[in-house]
Protein backbone atom coordinates (compact mmCIF):
# COMPACT_ATOMS: atom_id res chain seq x y z
CA MET A 1 38.52 -27.37 4.28
CA GLU A 2 36.62 -23.95 3.75
CA THR A 3 33.29 -23.21 5.05
CA TYR A 4 31.11 -20.07 5.28
CA SER A 5 27.70 -18.85 6.12
CA VAL A 6 25.18 -17.68 3.56
CA LEU A 7 22.81 -14.88 4.26
CA ALA A 8 19.42 -15.43 2.19
CA LEU A 9 17.49 -12.27 1.38
CA SER A 10 14.57 -11.27 -0.83
CA THR A 11 15.49 -9.78 -4.17
CA GLY A 12 12.95 -7.14 -3.18
CA HIS A 13 15.81 -5.63 -1.23
CA ILE A 14 17.69 -4.73 -4.43
CA GLU A 15 16.73 -2.29 -6.98
CA GLU A 16 15.73 -3.04 -10.44
CA SER A 17 18.86 -1.62 -11.89
CA ASP A 18 20.68 -4.21 -9.82
CA ASN A 19 19.52 -7.03 -12.11
CA VAL A 20 21.50 -5.44 -14.93
CA ALA A 21 24.53 -4.88 -12.77
CA LEU A 22 24.69 -8.32 -11.27
CA LYS A 23 24.14 -10.20 -14.62
CA ALA A 24 26.98 -8.10 -15.93
CA ALA A 25 29.16 -8.97 -12.84
CA ALA A 26 28.36 -12.60 -13.28
CA TYR A 27 30.12 -12.55 -16.85
CA GLN A 28 33.06 -10.64 -15.56
CA THR A 29 33.73 -12.56 -12.39
CA ASN A 30 33.18 -15.92 -10.89
CA MET A 31 31.99 -14.12 -7.56
CA VAL A 32 28.51 -13.55 -8.79
CA MET A 33 26.11 -16.20 -10.12
CA VAL A 34 22.86 -15.88 -11.89
CA ARG A 35 19.96 -18.06 -11.06
CA ASN A 36 16.40 -18.30 -12.25
CA SER A 37 15.02 -16.75 -8.95
CA GLY A 38 17.87 -14.40 -8.17
CA TYR A 39 21.63 -14.54 -7.61
CA PHE A 40 24.45 -15.85 -5.32
CA ILE A 41 27.22 -13.26 -4.50
CA LYS A 42 30.33 -14.72 -2.88
CA LEU A 43 32.15 -12.18 -0.66
CA TYR A 44 35.74 -11.34 -0.35
CA GLN A 45 36.37 -11.34 3.42
CA ASP A 46 39.74 -9.47 3.33
CA GLU A 47 38.83 -7.01 0.59
CA LYS A 48 35.66 -5.17 1.42
CA ALA A 49 36.00 -2.72 -1.35
CA SER A 50 36.28 -5.57 -3.91
CA ASN A 51 32.69 -6.60 -3.27
CA ILE A 52 31.27 -3.46 -4.23
CA ARG A 53 31.01 -2.14 -7.88
CA PRO A 54 30.07 1.40 -8.92
CA SER A 55 27.02 -0.01 -10.92
CA TYR A 56 25.50 -1.46 -7.61
CA SER A 57 22.71 0.69 -6.20
CA TYR A 58 23.10 2.06 -2.59
CA SER A 59 20.65 -0.71 -1.52
CA LEU A 60 22.81 -3.60 -2.67
CA GLN A 61 25.82 -1.93 -1.36
CA LYS A 62 24.22 -1.65 2.01
CA LEU A 63 23.25 -5.37 2.03
CA ILE A 64 26.80 -6.34 1.12
CA GLU A 65 28.14 -4.28 3.84
CA PHE A 66 25.69 -5.75 6.27
CA ALA A 67 26.69 -9.35 5.33
CA LEU A 68 30.30 -8.57 5.74
CA ASP A 69 29.80 -6.93 9.05
CA LYS A 70 27.91 -10.05 10.18
CA GLY A 71 30.56 -12.43 9.02
CA PHE A 72 28.71 -13.98 6.07
CA GLY A 73 30.71 -15.23 3.06
CA MET A 74 27.87 -15.41 0.69
CA ILE A 75 24.57 -13.69 -0.10
CA GLU A 76 21.74 -15.46 -1.67
CA LEU A 77 19.20 -13.17 -3.25
CA ASP A 78 16.07 -15.07 -4.06
CA SER A 79 12.69 -13.87 -4.83
CA ASP A 80 11.12 -16.25 -2.32
CA ALA A 81 13.66 -15.55 0.51
CA ASP A 82 12.87 -13.43 3.67
CA THR A 83 12.92 -9.75 4.17
CA LEU A 84 14.63 -7.70 6.88
CA GLU A 85 12.83 -4.78 8.50
CA GLU A 86 15.99 -2.67 8.42
CA PHE A 87 16.27 -2.75 4.63
CA ILE A 88 13.97 -0.90 1.98
CA LEU A 89 11.72 -3.30 0.02
CA HIS A 90 11.56 -2.09 -3.60
CA ASP A 91 8.44 -2.80 -5.51
CA TRP A 92 9.50 -3.73 -9.08
């Protein structure tokens, strides 16, 4: 049985351009899922570089690296989720 922890964060931590990048990724891989209020990003645990696409902003790349370093297996980006002080909040 596989289990993993999910890090839920506000979509305010990603840049507006990440909407386009994540929607494109959702159609190219089964590791990104689009929702009405955000995204789910399933993370490869053993292939850190495979989680980051060139089209992802620096902000999103930092969130992914943070989640991996903390041992999370998925990121839930949601418009109503909490924010973390250590990450920039983008007003878009």
